[in-house]
Amino acid sequence: FLAATEEDERALATASEIAELIGPRVRQELGAAASEPPLPTAVAEAVGSLLADGGARGDVWRGVQGVTTLSRRVGALMLRRGVQRAEGTPGLPAAAREAIINGNKAVADAIE
């Protein structure tokens, strides 16, 4: 297991901020008193209802304007962590290791 980097911590902090912004509104739509986890369709309906509300949509938009950048960075980070794992995996054939490393690095560079 790889230790979290400073970049990992920033990505997780941003994701937490987004969850804190959207979560309470979605829970309100779902009815916070529910004792069981909601069905996926109920969550989709709650999010749809939230997005249909212009004021709520504006609040969410202002809070998540960096989501596109964040998602790209998280994707690139995951690819780079795959490279690190491939480099340290014993028994992985050299050709497979090289393909994983080169492919992941190329895609991560393109994403960033």
Foldseek 3Di string as FASTA:
>chain_A
DDDDDPLNVVLVVLVVQLCVLVVVQLCVQLPVPDPDDDDPVSSVVSVVVQCVDPVSVVSSCVSCVCVLVSVLQVQLVVLVVQLVVLVPDPPDDPVVNVCSNVVSNVVSVVSD
